[in-house]
Amino acid sequence: MAHDPDHCTFCNLIHGAGEVSVCHEDTDSIAFMDIQPVNNGHVLVVPRAHYESLLEVPPELGVHLFRVSMRIATAITHVTDCKDLNIIVSSGEDAGQDEPHFHIHLIPRRAGDGFNIPLPFNGSAMPDRTVLDAYAARIIAALRDPVNAVDHVEATTTEPENDTVLPLEEGAHGELQRDGSTAGARGTA
C-alpha cells in the first residue's frame, strides 16, 4: 500500500480538511466516529503522525493508542448499552486495510447486527501439533535474533496497580516471568 502524503484521508482530517466528529484528542492521538459504522458508537482511534501499518508504529505510541482504545471502549459500552465489542486492526491490504494510515476500530456489537468475523476460520483445519510447535519455535528464534532485530522493543509489562513497568525475564520454555524468576518446566495435563 504505497503512501501519497497528499492523499491520506486521515492526515487530511487531522489537519482540519474535512468534517470529523471527535470523541478524544491528545498530543499523539485522535479518535473520531466512523462515517460507515457497523453500529452507532463505532470509533476509529488514530495516531496523529502518519504510520501506514502496525509494523511502523513506534512501540510507545502503540501502547498509548491501546490505552486510549481501552478507555474509549468503556465509554462506548456505557453510551450504547452494548456490553460486547470488537477491537480490530487491519494492517496491510491483504488484511483488509482500506486507508493507508494505521487505525484501530472500536465496534460496539449487538446480537444479529450482521457483522461477522468468523474465528476460528471455517476454511482452516487444525494442523498437526508439530506444525504449531515448529512455527512457535521459529517465532521465538526470530524474537531472539540480534542480527535481524525483529524485536524492536524490550519486552515489558505494566502493573495496573501502580503503572510501574517491569522487564520480563525469560524462563524455561520461553515463559516470561514478571518477578525475574525462571519458570520450571510445564507440567502436562
Protein backbone atom coordinates (compact mmCIF):
# COMPACT_ATOMS: atom_id res chain seq x y z
CA MET A 1 0.00 0.00 0.00
CA ALA A 2 2.03 2.95 -1.28
CA HIS A 3 1.53 6.21 0.59
CA ASP A 4 0.97 9.54 -1.09
CA PRO A 5 1.08 12.09 1.76
CA ASP A 6 -1.27 14.40 -0.13
CA HIS A 7 -3.92 11.69 -0.37
CA CYS A 8 -4.21 10.34 3.16
CA THR A 9 -7.80 10.82 4.28
CA PHE A 10 -6.91 10.58 7.97
CA CYS A 11 -4.00 13.05 7.73
CA ASN A 12 -6.35 15.46 5.95
CA LEU A 13 -8.98 15.05 8.67
CA ILE A 14 -6.40 15.50 11.43
CA HIS A 15 -5.29 18.75 9.77
CA GLY A 16 -8.85 20.09 9.50
CA ALA A 17 -9.53 19.45 5.81
CA GLY A 18 -12.91 17.85 6.46
CA GLU A 19 -15.66 17.30 8.98
CA VAL A 20 -14.99 14.83 11.75
CA SER A 21 -16.88 14.03 14.95
CA VAL A 22 -14.09 13.86 17.53
CA CYS A 23 -14.60 11.99 20.81
CA HIS A 24 -10.98 12.10 22.07
CA GLU A 25 -7.88 14.18 21.38
CA ASP A 26 -4.40 14.37 22.85
CA THR A 27 -0.98 15.31 21.50
CA ASP A 28 -0.35 11.87 19.96
CA SER A 29 -3.79 10.58 19.00
CA ILE A 30 -7.27 11.45 17.92
CA ALA A 31 -10.44 9.35 18.00
CA PHE A 32 -13.49 10.05 15.90
CA MET A 33 -16.73 8.44 14.80
CA ASP A 34 -16.55 6.12 11.78
CA ILE A 35 -18.65 7.54 8.91
CA GLN A 36 -19.60 3.99 7.83
CA PRO A 37 -20.30 2.46 11.24
CA VAL A 38 -21.16 -1.16 11.84
CA ASN A 39 -23.30 0.13 14.72
CA ASN A 40 -23.76 3.55 16.29
CA GLY A 41 -20.78 4.25 18.53
CA HIS A 42 -18.19 2.80 16.08
CA VAL A 43 -14.98 4.78 16.74
CA LEU A 44 -11.61 4.97 15.00
CA VAL A 45 -8.51 5.61 17.14
CA VAL A 46 -5.76 7.14 15.00
CA PRO A 47 -2.21 8.35 15.65
CA ARG A 48 -1.72 11.99 14.67
CA ALA A 49 1.58 11.15 12.97
CA HIS A 50 1.32 9.14 9.77
CA TYR A 51 2.17 5.45 10.01
CA GLU A 52 0.84 3.12 7.35
CA SER A 53 0.88 -0.15 9.23
CA LEU A 54 1.08 -1.64 12.70
CA LEU A 55 4.70 -2.59 11.99
CA GLU A 56 5.64 1.09 11.52
CA VAL A 57 4.05 2.38 14.74
CA PRO A 58 6.65 3.07 17.44
CA PRO A 59 6.07 0.72 20.41
CA GLU A 60 5.50 3.56 22.90
CA LEU A 61 2.83 5.04 20.63
CA GLY A 62 1.24 1.61 20.19
CA VAL A 63 0.90 1.28 23.96
CA HIS A 64 -0.62 4.76 24.15
CA LEU A 65 -3.12 4.01 21.36
CA PHE A 66 -4.21 0.81 23.07
CA ARG A 67 -4.67 2.61 26.41
CA VAL A 68 -6.77 5.26 24.65
CA SER A 69 -8.75 2.47 22.96
CA MET A 70 -9.43 0.72 26.27
CA ARG A 71 -10.65 3.96 27.84
CA ILE A 72 -12.91 4.77 24.89
CA ALA A 73 -14.20 1.19 24.73
CA THR A 74 -15.51 1.52 28.28
CA ALA A 75 -17.29 4.75 27.36
CA ILE A 76 -18.74 3.17 24.19
CA THR A 77 -20.24 0.26 26.11
CA HIS A 78 -21.80 2.71 28.56
CA VAL A 79 -23.20 5.05 25.91
CA THR A 80 -24.50 2.35 23.53
CA ASP A 81 -25.69 -0.18 26.12
CA CYS A 82 -23.69 -2.78 24.16
CA LYS A 83 -21.71 -4.97 26.51
CA ASP A 84 -19.76 -6.60 23.67
CA LEU A 85 -17.40 -5.06 21.13
CA ASN A 86 -14.68 -5.82 18.61
CA ILE A 87 -11.30 -4.14 18.58
CA ILE A 88 -9.93 -4.54 15.06
CA VAL A 89 -6.63 -3.61 13.44
CA SER A 90 -6.23 -4.40 9.75
CA SER A 91 -2.58 -3.92 8.85
CA GLY A 92 -1.95 -4.03 5.10
CA GLU A 93 -4.08 -4.52 2.01
CA ASP A 94 -4.21 -8.31 2.29
CA ALA A 95 -5.55 -7.88 5.83
CA GLY A 96 -8.33 -5.57 4.61
CA GLN A 97 -6.80 -2.18 5.48
CA ASP A 98 -8.72 0.37 3.42
CA GLU A 99 -6.94 3.59 4.49
CA PRO A 100 -3.14 3.94 4.30
CA HIS A 101 -2.96 5.30 7.87
CA PHE A 102 -2.82 2.95 10.86
CA HIS A 103 -6.05 2.96 12.88
CA ILE A 104 -7.94 0.91 15.45
CA HIS A 105 -11.64 0.17 15.06
CA LEU A 106 -13.74 0.05 18.25
CA ILE A 107 -17.03 -1.53 17.22
CA PRO A 108 -19.93 -1.96 19.65
CA ARG A 109 -21.80 -5.19 18.91
CA ARG A 110 -25.44 -6.22 19.08
CA ALA A 111 -26.91 -9.65 18.53
CA GLY A 112 -27.99 -10.02 14.92
CA ASP A 113 -26.21 -6.87 13.68
CA GLY A 114 -24.99 -8.79 10.60
CA PHE A 115 -21.28 -8.07 11.10
CA ASN A 116 -19.16 -11.17 11.42
CA ILE A 117 -15.51 -12.04 11.76
CA PRO A 118 -15.67 -15.82 11.77
CA LEU A 119 -12.94 -17.12 14.07
CA PRO A 120 -11.98 -19.83 14.09
CA PHE A 121 -11.97 -19.54 10.29
CA ASN A 122 -14.13 -22.22 8.67
CA GLY A 123 -11.62 -22.60 5.83
CA SER A 124 -8.84 -23.77 8.12
CA ALA A 125 -8.12 -27.15 9.63
CA MET A 126 -6.30 -27.90 12.87
CA PRO A 127 -2.68 -28.51 11.86
CA ASP A 128 -0.61 -31.28 13.33
CA ARG A 129 0.92 -30.23 16.67
CA THR A 130 4.41 -30.49 15.14
CA VAL A 131 3.49 -27.70 12.66
CA LEU A 132 2.26 -25.46 15.50
CA ASP A 133 5.38 -26.23 17.56
CA ALA A 134 7.64 -25.53 14.55
CA TYR A 135 6.07 -22.10 13.95
CA ALA A 136 6.28 -21.29 17.65
CA ALA A 137 9.99 -22.20 17.64
CA ARG A 138 10.62 -20.09 14.51
CA ILE A 139 8.88 -17.08 16.09
CA ILE A 140 10.92 -17.49 19.30
CA ALA A 141 14.11 -17.66 17.21
CA ALA A 142 13.13 -14.52 15.26
CA LEU A 143 12.46 -12.64 18.51
CA ARG A 144 15.89 -13.62 19.85
CA ASP A 145 17.82 -12.93 16.63
CA PRO A 146 20.18 -9.99 17.38
CA VAL A 147 21.19 -9.61 13.72
CA ASN A 148 17.73 -9.09 12.28
CA ALA A 149 16.35 -7.37 15.42
CA VAL A 150 12.73 -8.42 14.92
CA ASP A 151 12.00 -7.37 18.48
CA HIS A 152 12.38 -3.60 18.20
CA VAL A 153 11.23 -3.03 21.77
CA GLU A 154 12.30 -4.62 25.04
CA ALA A 155 9.53 -6.85 26.33
CA THR A 156 7.87 -5.10 29.26
CA THR A 157 4.69 -5.28 31.22
CA THR A 158 2.77 -2.63 33.12
CA GLU A 159 1.41 -3.43 36.53
CA PRO A 160 -2.09 -1.88 36.64
CA GLU A 161 -1.94 -1.07 40.37
CA ASN A 162 0.93 1.39 40.20
CA ASP A 163 1.77 1.77 36.49
CA THR A 164 5.32 0.51 37.11
CA VAL A 165 6.95 -1.01 34.04
CA LEU A 166 8.95 -4.14 34.79
CA PRO A 167 11.15 -6.01 32.28
CA LEU A 168 10.00 -9.53 31.53
CA GLU A 169 12.58 -12.24 32.06
CA GLU A 170 12.63 -15.40 30.05
CA GLY A 171 12.07 -18.62 31.91
CA ALA A 172 12.17 -22.22 30.79
CA HIS A 173 10.38 -22.97 27.52
CA GLY A 174 10.03 -19.26 26.75
CA GLU A 175 7.69 -18.43 29.65
CA LEU A 176 8.03 -14.83 30.76
CA GLN A 177 8.09 -14.06 34.47
CA ARG A 178 7.28 -10.61 35.91
CA ASP A 179 9.36 -11.07 39.06
CA GLY A 180 12.55 -12.09 37.28
CA SER A 181 12.34 -15.70 38.44
CA THR A 182 12.70 -18.54 35.99
CA ALA A 183 9.78 -20.84 35.42
CA GLY A 184 10.20 -24.57 35.77
CA ALA A 185 9.19 -26.97 33.05
CA ARG A 186 5.49 -27.01 32.35
CA GLY A 187 3.55 -29.98 33.54
CA THR A 188 1.21 -31.78 31.17
CA ALA A 189 -2.41 -32.43 31.83
